[in-house]
N, C-alpha and C. Protein backbone atom coordinates (compact mmCIF):
# COMPACT_ATOMS: atom_id res chain seq x y z
N ARG A 1 0.66 -1.18 0.25
CA ARG A 1 0.04 -0.37 -0.01
C ARG A 1 1.24 1.16 0.31
N ILE A 2 0.36 2.46 -0.40
CA ILE A 2 1.06 3.66 -0.85
C ILE A 2 1.01 4.17 0.22
N GLN A 3 1.85 4.72 1.49
CA GLN A 3 1.87 6.06 1.81
C GLN A 3 1.46 7.27 1.34
N GLU A 4 0.26 7.94 1.61
CA GLU A 4 0.05 9.24 1.13
C GLU A 4 0.73 10.31 2.53
N GLU A 5 1.92 10.97 1.39
CA GLU A 5 2.19 11.99 1.66
C GLU A 5 1.02 13.80 2.36
N PRO A 6 1.62 14.52 3.29
CA PRO A 6 0.93 15.38 3.59
C PRO A 6 0.79 16.49 2.69
N ALA A 7 0.00 17.13 1.90
CA ALA A 7 -0.20 18.24 1.06
C ALA A 7 0.83 19.40 1.95
N ALA A 8 1.36 19.32 2.87
CA ALA A 8 1.67 20.62 3.53
C ALA A 8 2.88 20.53 3.20
N ALA A 9 3.41 18.77 2.63
CA ALA A 9 5.04 20.15 2.47
C ALA A 9 5.35 20.00 0.64
N PHE A 10 3.57 20.33 0.40
CA PHE A 10 4.08 21.13 -1.28
C PHE A 10 4.25 22.58 -1.09
N ALA A 11 3.49 22.96 0.04
CA ALA A 11 2.88 24.10 0.43
C ALA A 11 4.41 25.16 0.82
N PRO A 12 4.01 26.65 0.07
CA PRO A 12 5.53 27.58 0.57
C PRO A 12 5.72 27.82 1.69
N ALA A 13 6.90 27.37 2.57
CA ALA A 13 7.18 28.00 3.43
C ALA A 13 6.21 29.21 4.31
N GLN A 14 5.25 30.01 5.53
CA GLN A 14 5.39 30.86 5.50
C GLN A 14 6.20 31.48 6.61
N THR A 15 6.42 32.84 6.05
CA THR A 15 7.18 33.13 6.96
C THR A 15 6.87 35.16 7.17
N GLY A 16 7.26 35.77 8.00
CA GLY A 16 7.06 37.33 8.74
C GLY A 16 7.73 37.86 6.98
N LYS A 17 6.77 39.63 7.12
CA LYS A 17 7.41 40.34 5.99
C LYS A 17 8.06 40.72 6.49
N ALA A 18 9.66 41.55 5.88
CA ALA A 18 10.59 42.05 6.42
C ALA A 18 10.48 43.04 6.33
N SER A 19 10.77 44.24 7.01
CA SER A 19 10.43 45.56 7.18
C SER A 19 11.58 46.33 6.31
N THR A 20 11.55 46.51 5.29
CA THR A 20 13.16 47.20 4.27
C THR A 20 13.04 48.58 4.28
N GLN A 21 13.68 49.29 3.79
CA GLN A 21 13.08 50.66 2.76
C GLN A 21 12.34 50.42 1.77
N LEU A 22 13.01 49.50 1.11
CA LEU A 22 11.89 49.34 -0.18
C LEU A 22 10.37 48.97 -0.20
N SER A 23 9.67 49.13 1.37
CA SER A 23 8.42 49.57 1.95
C SER A 23 7.75 50.54 1.20
N ALA A 24 8.88 51.34 0.58
CA ALA A 24 8.33 53.13 0.55
C ALA A 24 7.39 52.92 -1.11
N PHE A 25 8.18 52.11 -2.01
CA PHE A 25 7.48 51.19 -3.08
C PHE A 25 6.30 50.04 -3.45
N GLU A 26 5.68 50.25 -2.23
CA GLU A 26 5.07 48.76 -2.26
C GLU A 26 3.12 48.90 -2.72
N ASP A 27 3.21 50.88 -2.61
CA ASP A 27 2.19 50.84 -3.49
C ASP A 27 2.30 51.22 -4.98
N GLU A 28 3.14 51.27 -5.36
CA GLU A 28 4.01 51.95 -6.59
C GLU A 28 3.26 50.85 -7.78
N LEU A 29 2.76 51.42 -9.11
CA LEU A 29 1.62 50.89 -10.32
C LEU A 29 3.09 49.53 -10.62
N GLY A 30 2.01 48.50 -10.47
CA GLY A 30 2.79 47.02 -10.84
C GLY A 30 3.34 46.16 -9.53
N ALA A 31 3.20 46.78 -8.29
CA ALA A 31 3.33 45.95 -7.15
C ALA A 31 2.63 45.09 -6.83
N GLN A 32 2.26 43.80 -7.02
CA GLN A 32 0.96 42.67 -6.74
C GLN A 32 1.79 41.74 -6.22
N ALA A 33 -0.11 41.58 -5.92
CA ALA A 33 0.83 39.80 -4.49
C ALA A 33 1.28 38.98 -5.54
N PRO A 34 1.64 38.09 -5.03
CA PRO A 34 2.18 37.62 -3.71
C PRO A 34 3.79 38.56 -3.29
N LEU A 35 4.53 38.83 -4.30
CA LEU A 35 5.68 38.86 -4.24
C LEU A 35 5.33 40.66 -4.13
N GLY A 36 5.04 41.88 -3.63
CA GLY A 36 4.42 43.22 -3.92
C GLY A 36 5.61 43.95 -4.36
N PHE A 37 6.35 44.71 -4.23
CA PHE A 37 7.44 45.25 -5.12
C PHE A 37 8.72 44.63 -5.08
N PHE A 38 8.69 43.72 -6.57
CA PHE A 38 9.87 42.91 -6.66
C PHE A 38 10.65 43.51 -6.76
N ASP A 39 12.34 43.68 -7.18
CA ASP A 39 13.46 43.92 -7.01
C ASP A 39 14.64 42.80 -7.02
N PRO A 40 14.97 41.71 -7.79
CA PRO A 40 15.47 41.08 -7.93
C PRO A 40 16.65 41.11 -8.07
N PHE A 41 17.19 42.22 -8.68
CA PHE A 41 18.91 42.31 -8.47
C PHE A 41 19.15 43.70 -7.54
N GLY A 42 18.24 43.98 -6.68
CA GLY A 42 18.71 45.07 -5.66
C GLY A 42 19.54 45.72 -6.52
N MET A 43 18.52 46.69 -6.99
CA MET A 43 19.12 47.68 -7.58
C MET A 43 19.19 48.94 -7.25
N LEU A 44 17.64 48.94 -6.23
CA LEU A 44 16.93 50.17 -5.01
C LEU A 44 17.76 49.88 -4.14
N SER A 45 18.83 49.01 -3.60
CA SER A 45 18.74 48.73 -2.34
C SER A 45 20.00 49.74 -1.81
N GLY A 46 20.23 50.65 -0.61
CA GLY A 46 21.20 51.54 -0.45
C GLY A 46 20.49 52.95 -0.39
N ASP A 47 20.61 53.71 -1.60
CA ASP A 47 20.14 54.82 -1.48
C ASP A 47 19.20 54.70 -2.63
N VAL A 48 17.72 55.07 -1.91
CA VAL A 48 16.56 54.81 -2.65
C VAL A 48 15.94 56.20 -2.18
N THR A 49 16.03 56.55 -3.34
CA THR A 49 15.08 57.81 -3.88
C THR A 49 13.73 57.38 -4.82
N GLN A 50 12.81 58.49 -4.65
CA GLN A 50 11.42 58.86 -5.21
C GLN A 50 12.71 58.89 -6.87
N GLU A 51 13.55 59.60 -6.95
CA GLU A 51 14.03 60.46 -7.95
C GLU A 51 14.46 59.08 -9.09
N ARG A 52 15.37 58.20 -8.24
CA ARG A 52 16.11 57.07 -8.72
C ARG A 52 14.73 56.24 -9.50
N PHE A 53 14.27 55.78 -8.77
CA PHE A 53 12.85 55.02 -8.37
C PHE A 53 12.38 55.24 -10.14
N ASP A 54 12.01 56.22 -10.25
CA ASP A 54 11.55 57.15 -11.38
C ASP A 54 12.14 56.85 -12.51
N ARG A 55 13.36 56.92 -12.49
CA ARG A 55 14.38 57.36 -13.76
C ARG A 55 14.53 55.72 -13.97
N LEU A 56 14.54 54.34 -13.43
CA LEU A 56 14.25 52.98 -13.30
C LEU A 56 13.68 52.78 -13.68
N ARG A 57 12.18 53.21 -13.93
CA ARG A 57 11.03 52.95 -13.97
C ARG A 57 11.05 52.79 -15.83
N TYR A 58 11.46 54.32 -15.85
CA TYR A 58 11.41 54.86 -17.20
C TYR A 58 12.48 54.19 -18.47
N VAL A 59 13.61 54.09 -18.05
CA VAL A 59 14.34 53.01 -18.61
C VAL A 59 14.13 51.73 -18.78
N GLU A 60 13.29 51.39 -18.13
CA GLU A 60 12.79 49.62 -18.18
C GLU A 60 11.67 49.75 -19.07
N ILE A 61 10.68 51.24 -19.41
CA ILE A 61 9.82 51.24 -19.67
C ILE A 61 10.51 50.94 -21.77
N LYS A 62 11.59 51.68 -21.33
CA LYS A 62 12.09 52.67 -23.11
C LYS A 62 13.11 51.26 -23.07
N HIS A 63 13.54 50.36 -22.71
CA HIS A 63 14.09 49.00 -23.02
C HIS A 63 12.96 48.22 -23.49
N GLY A 64 12.33 48.01 -22.91
CA GLY A 64 10.61 47.20 -23.43
C GLY A 64 10.47 47.52 -24.34
N ARG A 65 10.40 49.01 -24.63
CA ARG A 65 9.22 49.10 -25.82
C ARG A 65 10.59 49.30 -27.18
N ILE A 66 12.00 48.88 -27.22
CA ILE A 66 12.71 49.06 -28.16
C ILE A 66 12.60 47.20 -28.68
N ALA A 67 12.74 46.62 -27.20
CA ALA A 67 12.66 44.96 -27.07
C ALA A 67 11.66 44.41 -28.49
N GLN A 68 10.28 45.24 -28.38
CA GLN A 68 9.10 44.83 -28.90
C GLN A 68 9.41 45.30 -30.67
N LEU A 69 10.12 46.59 -30.52
CA LEU A 69 10.16 47.08 -32.04
C LEU A 69 11.20 45.64 -32.74
N ALA A 70 11.86 45.64 -31.99
CA ALA A 70 13.54 44.47 -32.40
C ALA A 70 12.54 43.20 -33.15
N PHE A 71 11.56 42.64 -32.01
CA PHE A 71 11.21 41.98 -32.18
C PHE A 71 10.24 41.41 -33.65
N LEU A 72 9.32 42.74 -33.39
CA LEU A 72 8.61 43.27 -34.71
C LEU A 72 9.54 43.24 -36.40
N GLY A 73 10.51 43.71 -35.88
CA GLY A 73 11.53 43.32 -37.58
C GLY A 73 11.99 41.77 -37.82
N GLN A 74 12.53 41.19 -36.29
CA GLN A 74 12.46 40.41 -37.06
C GLN A 74 11.67 39.48 -37.61
N VAL A 75 10.22 39.23 -37.02
CA VAL A 75 9.20 38.79 -37.39
C VAL A 75 8.48 39.60 -38.85
N VAL A 76 8.95 40.89 -38.76
CA VAL A 76 8.57 41.07 -40.45
C VAL A 76 9.92 41.04 -41.90
N THR A 77 10.90 40.68 -41.47
CA THR A 77 12.27 40.24 -42.08
C THR A 77 11.93 38.39 -42.98
N ARG A 78 11.55 38.09 -41.12
CA ARG A 78 11.56 36.87 -41.68
C ARG A 78 10.33 36.26 -42.31
N GLY A 79 9.50 37.67 -42.45
CA GLY A 79 8.03 36.90 -43.48
C GLY A 79 8.21 37.56 -45.10
N GLY A 80 9.37 37.34 -45.01
CA GLY A 80 9.64 38.04 -46.17
C GLY A 80 8.94 39.67 -46.55
N LEU A 81 8.45 40.73 -45.89
CA LEU A 81 8.03 41.95 -45.74
C LEU A 81 8.67 43.19 -45.81
N HIS A 82 9.85 42.61 -45.88
CA HIS A 82 11.14 44.13 -46.08
C HIS A 82 11.02 45.04 -46.90
């Protein structure tokens, strides 16, 4: 007979929320549950100002738009519509 494992073994561990300087940006557009404000590379650790946050957000949007245009150019070229 196969022994059943409890489902709790696969559930994420419950941890308390750490209070950091980044909590100032928890209400910004794009901060969503369950991650909240997501800064995987720690680019806003240390000197965190609203000015720096706004600059990084602007640059991220600009680079995203350039990447979208590059992808569209690749699709159009491969489709023979050049």
